[in-house]
Amino acid sequence: MYIQADELLEVMSQRNLIELTNDESRATEINLAVAEKACIHACEIVDGYLRSRYLTPLNTVPTIVRNIALQLARFWLYSRRPEGSKFPDNVKDTHAQALKDLERIQNGKLHLDLPELANGDDDHVLGEAKFQTRSKPKMDLTGY
């Protein structure tokens, strides 16, 4: 993973993190299971965008990828409270910018200074099975 639950404190206050990760209104501690789920969600989104250009998961995590993942995780935590007040503008803006940055990385307009996949080298992406079969030589049955 590119981020850990405790790193979310870099983009939000502890009180906000407690409120967003707990379903009890009087909680006093961060619900680490929910915070980890937000981190996993964010990292999967990042991998989804980067998979076409880089071998994922990345071995070395550039600062920009880490920051993008933090913004995505923060947005996910706020989205858990749809019945509450509106999203803070800063949360919406940084989420939109994070997605734009991911698209720029995916399109090759923003480089991570990591080795890129060769063109057409998508063997690490699960998809259709690629295999070859050998068949026996066919008999000529035209006379029958």
Foldseek 3Di string as FASTA:
>chain_A
DLDALVCLCVVDPQVVQQCLQDPDPPDDHHPRVLSRVLLVVLQVVLCVLCLQKAPPPDPDHAPLSSQLSSLSSVLVSVVVCPVDDDDPPVSVVSNVVSVVVSNCCSVVNDDDPDDIDDVPPNPVDDDDDDDDDDDDDDDDPVVD
